[in-house]
C-alpha atoms as a PDB file:
ATOM      1  CA  UNK A   1     -17.237  16.124   5.241  1.00  0.00           C
ATOM      2  CA  UNK A   2     -13.549  15.467   4.545  1.00  0.00           C
ATOM      3  CA  UNK A   3     -11.008  17.908   5.974  1.00  0.00           C
ATOM      4  CA  UNK A   4      -8.875  19.693   3.388  1.00  0.00           C
ATOM      5  CA  UNK A   5      -5.658  18.683   5.205  1.00  0.00           C
ATOM      6  CA  UNK A   6      -6.574  15.046   4.667  1.00  0.00           C
ATOM      7  CA  UNK A   7      -6.898  15.640   0.932  1.00  0.00           C
ATOM      8  CA  UNK A   8      -3.504  17.379   0.919  1.00  0.00           C
ATOM      9  CA  UNK A   9      -1.912  14.410   2.697  1.00  0.00           C
ATOM     10  CA  UNK A  10      -3.453  11.938   0.231  1.00  0.00           C
ATOM     11  CA  UNK A  11      -2.374  14.027  -2.775  1.00  0.00           C
ATOM     12  CA  UNK A  12       1.165  14.297  -1.392  1.00  0.00           C
ATOM     13  CA  UNK A  13       1.409  10.527  -0.809  1.00  0.00           C
ATOM     14  CA  UNK A  14       0.288   9.838  -4.381  1.00  0.00           C
ATOM     15  CA  UNK A  15       2.723  12.379  -5.770  1.00  0.00           C
ATOM     16  CA  UNK A  16       5.641  10.972  -3.764  1.00  0.00           C
ATOM     17  CA  UNK A  17       4.943   7.421  -4.966  1.00  0.00           C
ATOM     18  CA  UNK A  18       4.591   8.596  -8.561  1.00  0.00           C
ATOM     19  CA  UNK A  19       7.728  10.742  -8.551  1.00  0.00           C
ATOM     20  CA  UNK A  20       9.777   7.893  -7.065  1.00  0.00           C
ATOM     21  CA  UNK A  21       8.577   5.493  -9.778  1.00  0.00           C
ATOM     22  CA  UNK A  22       6.691   3.284  -7.314  1.00  0.00           C
ATOM     23  CA  UNK A  23       3.469   3.649  -9.322  1.00  0.00           C
ATOM     24  CA  UNK A  24       2.977   4.314 -13.002  1.00  0.00           C
ATOM     25  CA  UNK A  25       0.209   6.223 -14.730  1.00  0.00           C
ATOM     26  CA  UNK A  26      -2.776   4.257 -13.374  1.00  0.00           C
ATOM     27  CA  UNK A  27      -1.357   1.805 -10.846  1.00  0.00           C
ATOM     28  CA  UNK A  28      -1.442   1.961  -7.081  1.00  0.00           C
ATOM     29  CA  UNK A  29      -4.174   3.114  -4.761  1.00  0.00           C
ATOM     30  CA  UNK A  30      -4.885   4.738  -1.447  1.00  0.00           C
ATOM     31  CA  UNK A  31      -7.680   4.783   1.086  1.00  0.00           C
ATOM     32  CA  UNK A  32      -8.265   6.618   4.339  1.00  0.00           C
ATOM     33  CA  UNK A  33     -10.724   5.621   7.023  1.00  0.00           C
ATOM     34  CA  UNK A  34     -13.445   8.188   7.743  1.00  0.00           C
ATOM     35  CA  UNK A  35     -14.996   7.350  11.076  1.00  0.00           C
ATOM     36  CA  UNK A  36     -16.144   3.881  12.014  1.00  0.00           C
ATOM     37  CA  UNK A  37     -17.586   2.575   8.744  1.00  0.00           C
ATOM     38  CA  UNK A  38     -16.566   4.817   5.841  1.00  0.00           C
ATOM     39  CA  UNK A  39     -13.476   5.242   3.744  1.00  0.00           C
ATOM     40  CA  UNK A  40     -12.224   7.598   1.094  1.00  0.00           C
ATOM     41  CA  UNK A  41     -10.604   5.547  -1.690  1.00  0.00           C
ATOM     42  CA  UNK A  42      -9.020   6.295  -5.060  1.00  0.00           C
ATOM     43  CA  UNK A  43     -11.258   5.842  -8.060  1.00  0.00           C
ATOM     44  CA  UNK A  44     -10.217   3.256 -10.619  1.00  0.00           C
ATOM     45  CA  UNK A  45      -8.002   4.567 -13.411  1.00  0.00           C
ATOM     46  CA  UNK A  46      -6.892   7.736 -11.622  1.00  0.00           C
ATOM     47  CA  UNK A  47      -3.218   8.742 -11.704  1.00  0.00           C
ATOM     48  CA  UNK A  48      -1.705   8.651  -8.187  1.00  0.00           C
ATOM     49  CA  UNK A  49       0.656  11.484  -9.126  1.00  0.00           C
ATOM     50  CA  UNK A  50      -2.170  13.843 -10.081  1.00  0.00           C
ATOM     51  CA  UNK A  51      -4.918  13.123  -7.572  1.00  0.00           C
ATOM     52  CA  UNK A  52      -7.605  15.720  -6.906  1.00  0.00           C
ATOM     53  CA  UNK A  53     -10.820  15.655  -4.875  1.00  0.00           C
ATOM     54  CA  UNK A  54     -12.923  14.010  -7.585  1.00  0.00           C
ATOM     55  CA  UNK A  55     -10.236  11.275  -7.932  1.00  0.00           C
ATOM     56  CA  UNK A  56     -11.567   9.848  -4.654  1.00  0.00           C
ATOM     57  CA  UNK A  57     -14.876   8.317  -3.631  1.00  0.00           C
ATOM     58  CA  UNK A  58     -16.473   7.749  -0.219  1.00  0.00           C
ATOM     59  CA  UNK A  59     -17.689   4.178   0.363  1.00  0.00           C
ATOM     60  CA  UNK A  60     -18.782   2.110   3.349  1.00  0.00           C
ATOM     61  CA  UNK A  61     -16.255  -0.311   4.816  1.00  0.00           C
ATOM     62  CA  UNK A  62     -18.623  -3.071   5.890  1.00  0.00           C
ATOM     63  CA  UNK A  63     -20.887  -3.478   2.858  1.00  0.00           C
ATOM     64  CA  UNK A  64     -20.857  -3.445  -0.921  1.00  0.00           C
ATOM     65  CA  UNK A  65     -22.705  -0.753  -2.872  1.00  0.00           C
ATOM     66  CA  UNK A  66     -23.459  -0.007  -6.550  1.00  0.00           C
ATOM     67  CA  UNK A  67     -20.815   2.770  -6.358  1.00  0.00           C
ATOM     68  CA  UNK A  68     -18.093   0.131  -5.726  1.00  0.00           C
ATOM     69  CA  UNK A  69     -17.566  -0.181  -9.490  1.00  0.00           C
ATOM     70  CA  UNK A  70     -16.035   3.311  -9.504  1.00  0.00           C
ATOM     71  CA  UNK A  71     -13.430   2.464  -6.845  1.00  0.00           C
ATOM     72  CA  UNK A  72     -10.023   0.876  -7.114  1.00  0.00           C
ATOM     73  CA  UNK A  73      -9.947  -2.764  -8.151  1.00  0.00           C
ATOM     74  CA  UNK A  74      -8.285  -3.465  -4.773  1.00  0.00           C
ATOM     75  CA  UNK A  75     -11.329  -2.150  -2.859  1.00  0.00           C
ATOM     76  CA  UNK A  76     -12.055  -5.514  -1.221  1.00  0.00           C
ATOM     77  CA  UNK A  77      -8.511  -5.729   0.171  1.00  0.00           C
ATOM     78  CA  UNK A  78      -8.794  -2.239   1.650  1.00  0.00           C
ATOM     79  CA  UNK A  79     -12.106  -3.184   3.259  1.00  0.00           C
ATOM     80  CA  UNK A  80     -10.716  -6.408   4.718  1.00  0.00           C
ATOM     81  CA  UNK A  81      -7.658  -4.636   6.141  1.00  0.00           C
ATOM     82  CA  UNK A  82      -9.886  -2.130   7.955  1.00  0.00           C
ATOM     83  CA  UNK A  83     -12.222  -4.859   9.199  1.00  0.00           C
ATOM     84  CA  UNK A  84      -9.462  -7.235  10.364  1.00  0.00           C
ATOM     85  CA  UNK A  85      -7.352  -4.425  11.805  1.00  0.00           C
ATOM     86  CA  UNK A  86     -10.214  -2.914  13.785  1.00  0.00           C
ATOM     87  CA  UNK A  87      -9.467   0.690  14.689  1.00  0.00           C
ATOM     88  CA  UNK A  88      -5.716   0.038  14.388  1.00  0.00           C
ATOM     89  CA  UNK A  89      -5.527   1.448  10.844  1.00  0.00           C
ATOM     90  CA  UNK A  90      -6.523   4.811   9.427  1.00  0.00           C
ATOM     91  CA  UNK A  91      -4.970   4.457   5.957  1.00  0.00           C
ATOM     92  CA  UNK A  92      -3.932   1.858   3.374  1.00  0.00           C
ATOM     93  CA  UNK A  93      -1.439   2.587   0.605  1.00  0.00           C
ATOM     94  CA  UNK A  94      -0.550   0.324  -2.317  1.00  0.00           C
ATOM     95  CA  UNK A  95       2.292   0.732  -4.817  1.00  0.00           C
ATOM     96  CA  UNK A  96       3.807  -1.264  -7.678  1.00  0.00           C
ATOM     97  CA  UNK A  97       7.605  -1.019  -7.585  1.00  0.00           C
ATOM     98  CA  UNK A  98       9.244  -3.305 -10.156  1.00  0.00           C
ATOM     99  CA  UNK A  99      11.453  -4.831  -7.435  1.00  0.00           C
ATOM    100  CA  UNK A 100       8.363  -6.242  -5.717  1.00  0.00           C
ATOM    101  CA  UNK A 101       7.401  -8.172  -8.836  1.00  0.00           C
ATOM    102  CA  UNK A 102      10.933  -9.399  -9.598  1.00  0.00           C
ATOM    103  CA  UNK A 103      11.714 -10.556  -6.054  1.00  0.00           C
ATOM    104  CA  UNK A 104       8.388 -12.429  -5.934  1.00  0.00           C
ATOM    105  CA  UNK A 105       9.943 -15.010  -8.253  1.00  0.00           C
ATOM    106  CA  UNK A 106      12.709 -15.771  -5.765  1.00  0.00           C
ATOM    107  CA  UNK A 107      11.635 -15.116  -2.165  1.00  0.00           C
ATOM    108  CA  UNK A 108       8.829 -15.961   0.250  1.00  0.00           C
ATOM    109  CA  UNK A 109      10.087 -13.281   2.637  1.00  0.00           C
ATOM    110  CA  UNK A 110      13.064 -11.049   3.229  1.00  0.00           C
ATOM    111  CA  UNK A 111      14.481  -9.375   6.306  1.00  0.00           C
ATOM    112  CA  UNK A 112      15.700  -5.836   5.664  1.00  0.00           C
ATOM    113  CA  UNK A 113      19.445  -5.341   5.922  1.00  0.00           C
ATOM    114  CA  UNK A 114      19.525  -1.547   6.031  1.00  0.00           C
ATOM    115  CA  UNK A 115      19.437   0.194   9.405  1.00  0.00           C
ATOM    116  CA  UNK A 116      16.529   2.537   8.646  1.00  0.00           C
ATOM    117  CA  UNK A 117      14.201  -0.204   7.438  1.00  0.00           C
ATOM    118  CA  UNK A 118      14.970  -2.397  10.450  1.00  0.00           C
ATOM    119  CA  UNK A 119      13.587   0.389  12.641  1.00  0.00           C
ATOM    120  CA  UNK A 120      10.127  -0.164  11.135  1.00  0.00           C
ATOM    121  CA  UNK A 121       9.960  -3.638   9.585  1.00  0.00           C
ATOM    122  CA  UNK A 122      11.314  -6.985  10.820  1.00  0.00           C
ATOM    123  CA  UNK A 123      10.280  -9.030   7.816  1.00  0.00           C
ATOM    124  CA  UNK A 124       8.635  -8.453   4.444  1.00  0.00           C
ATOM    125  CA  UNK A 125       6.412 -11.355   3.397  1.00  0.00           C
ATOM    126  CA  UNK A 126       5.616 -12.168  -0.239  1.00  0.00           C
ATOM    127  CA  UNK A 127       2.074 -13.532  -0.168  1.00  0.00           C
ATOM    128  CA  UNK A 128      -0.689 -14.571  -2.504  1.00  0.00           C
ATOM    129  CA  UNK A 129      -3.075 -11.751  -3.409  1.00  0.00           C
ATOM    130  CA  UNK A 130      -5.931 -13.357  -1.449  1.00  0.00           C
ATOM    131  CA  UNK A 131      -3.789 -13.368   1.727  1.00  0.00           C
ATOM    132  CA  UNK A 132      -2.805  -9.681   1.655  1.00  0.00           C
ATOM    133  CA  UNK A 133      -5.435  -8.433   4.123  1.00  0.00           C
ATOM    134  CA  UNK A 134      -4.509 -11.055   6.736  1.00  0.00           C
ATOM    135  CA  UNK A 135      -0.792 -10.248   6.531  1.00  0.00           C
ATOM    136  CA  UNK A 136      -1.215  -6.469   6.484  1.00  0.00           C
ATOM    137  CA  UNK A 137      -3.661  -6.533   9.395  1.00  0.00           C
ATOM    138  CA  UNK A 138      -1.054  -8.454  11.408  1.00  0.00           C
ATOM    139  CA  UNK A 139       2.281  -7.001  10.214  1.00  0.00           C
ATOM    140  CA  UNK A 140       1.287  -3.652   8.604  1.00  0.00           C
ATOM    141  CA  UNK A 141       3.153  -4.541   5.385  1.00  0.00           C
ATOM    142  CA  UNK A 142       3.473  -7.229   2.745  1.00  0.00           C
ATOM    143  CA  UNK A 143       4.109  -7.741  -0.926  1.00  0.00           C
ATOM    144  CA  UNK A 144       1.366  -9.309  -3.004  1.00  0.00           C
ATOM    145  CA  UNK A 145       3.287 -11.712  -5.230  1.00  0.00           C
ATOM    146  CA  UNK A 146       3.837 -10.367  -8.749  1.00  0.00           C
ATOM    147  CA  UNK A 147       1.739  -7.320  -7.869  1.00  0.00           C
ATOM    148  CA  UNK A 148       3.083  -4.829  -5.339  1.00  0.00           C
ATOM    149  CA  UNK A 149       3.394  -3.457  -1.812  1.00  0.00           C
ATOM    150  CA  UNK A 150       0.466  -3.004   0.567  1.00  0.00           C
ATOM    151  CA  UNK A 151       0.972  -1.007   3.770  1.00  0.00           C
ATOM    152  CA  UNK A 152      -1.399   0.171   6.486  1.00  0.00           C
ATOM    153  CA  UNK A 153      -0.852   2.728   9.212  1.00  0.00           C
ATOM    154  CA  UNK A 154      -2.673   4.851  11.731  1.00  0.00           C
ATOM    155  CA  UNK A 155      -2.347   7.748   9.274  1.00  0.00           C
ATOM    156  CA  UNK A 156      -1.578   8.297   5.615  1.00  0.00           C
ATOM    157  CA  UNK A 157       1.852   9.557   6.692  1.00  0.00           C
ATOM    158  CA  UNK A 158       2.631   6.276   8.459  1.00  0.00           C
ATOM    159  CA  UNK A 159       1.368   4.212   5.518  1.00  0.00           C
ATOM    160  CA  UNK A 160       3.564   6.269   3.162  1.00  0.00           C
ATOM    161  CA  UNK A 161       6.601   5.905   5.432  1.00  0.00           C
ATOM    162  CA  UNK A 162       6.127   2.128   5.533  1.00  0.00           C
ATOM    163  CA  UNK A 163       5.662   1.956   1.773  1.00  0.00           C
ATOM    164  CA  UNK A 164       8.883   3.884   1.196  1.00  0.00           C
ATOM    165  CA  UNK A 165      10.786   1.769   3.741  1.00  0.00           C
ATOM    166  CA  UNK A 166       9.610  -1.489   2.168  1.00  0.00           C
ATOM    167  CA  UNK A 167      10.354  -0.220  -1.332  1.00  0.00           C
ATOM    168  CA  UNK A 168      13.892   0.754  -0.327  1.00  0.00           C
ATOM    169  CA  UNK A 169      14.445  -2.643   1.329  1.00  0.00           C
ATOM    170  CA  UNK A 170      13.275  -4.398  -1.834  1.00  0.00           C
ATOM    171  CA  UNK A 171      15.658  -2.336  -3.926  1.00  0.00           C
ATOM    172  CA  UNK A 172      18.555  -3.224  -1.643  1.00  0.00           C
ATOM    173  CA  UNK A 173      17.535  -6.912  -1.626  1.00  0.00           C
ATOM    174  CA  UNK A 174      17.463  -6.948  -5.420  1.00  0.00           C
ATOM    175  CA  UNK A 175      20.975  -5.465  -5.600  1.00  0.00           C
ATOM    176  CA  UNK A 176      22.171  -7.958  -2.958  1.00  0.00           C
ATOM    177  CA  UNK A 177      20.677 -10.806  -4.971  1.00  0.00           C
ATOM    178  CA  UNK A 178      22.218  -9.545  -8.205  1.00  0.00           C
ATOM    179  CA  UNK A 179      25.739  -9.419  -6.784  1.00  0.00           C
ATOM    180  CA  UNK A 180      25.361 -12.688  -4.883  1.00  0.00           C
ATOM    181  CA  UNK A 181      25.164 -11.406  -1.291  1.00  0.00           C
ATOM    182  CA  UNK A 182      21.539 -12.514  -0.831  1.00  0.00           C
ATOM    183  CA  UNK A 183      20.621 -16.059  -1.840  1.00  0.00           C
ATOM    184  CA  UNK A 184      17.199 -17.118  -3.108  1.00  0.00           C
END
């Protein structure tokens, strides 16, 4: 059974991402580890800004099931992050800020320049989609090229914090690039 506070935290994370324009109507996803081998993950097509209990589905981490077709299209990445990260991660959060897509054309990685982001992230790597799980399991964050941000944390709150930090750093990097401070 899933605790109601966990649902509230998931709903809040989705709402924050939606209200900040980091996901649109159907993009982005979230999962939370439930014990050793289960996760609660967003169903495909659900709006992150309006999540409710039936927007989420419980699935095993270590094996595929017929119910997988109802889960987010990024289900395999979530599974791999939990498997590679061991018990290090309790939540994975994925958003689609436009800056992530745009900067993917120019950079392989960026180092945040703002003080707040530097407290949490040394470097943001832009990686191929198939490499996301390896990078997130090692660094907690990355940008899937031309796709979006993936972050993992011990809790949904940490994953949200990291997602917001990375998003802000990308915004700043885009402005720096536009005015010529940051070179590609």
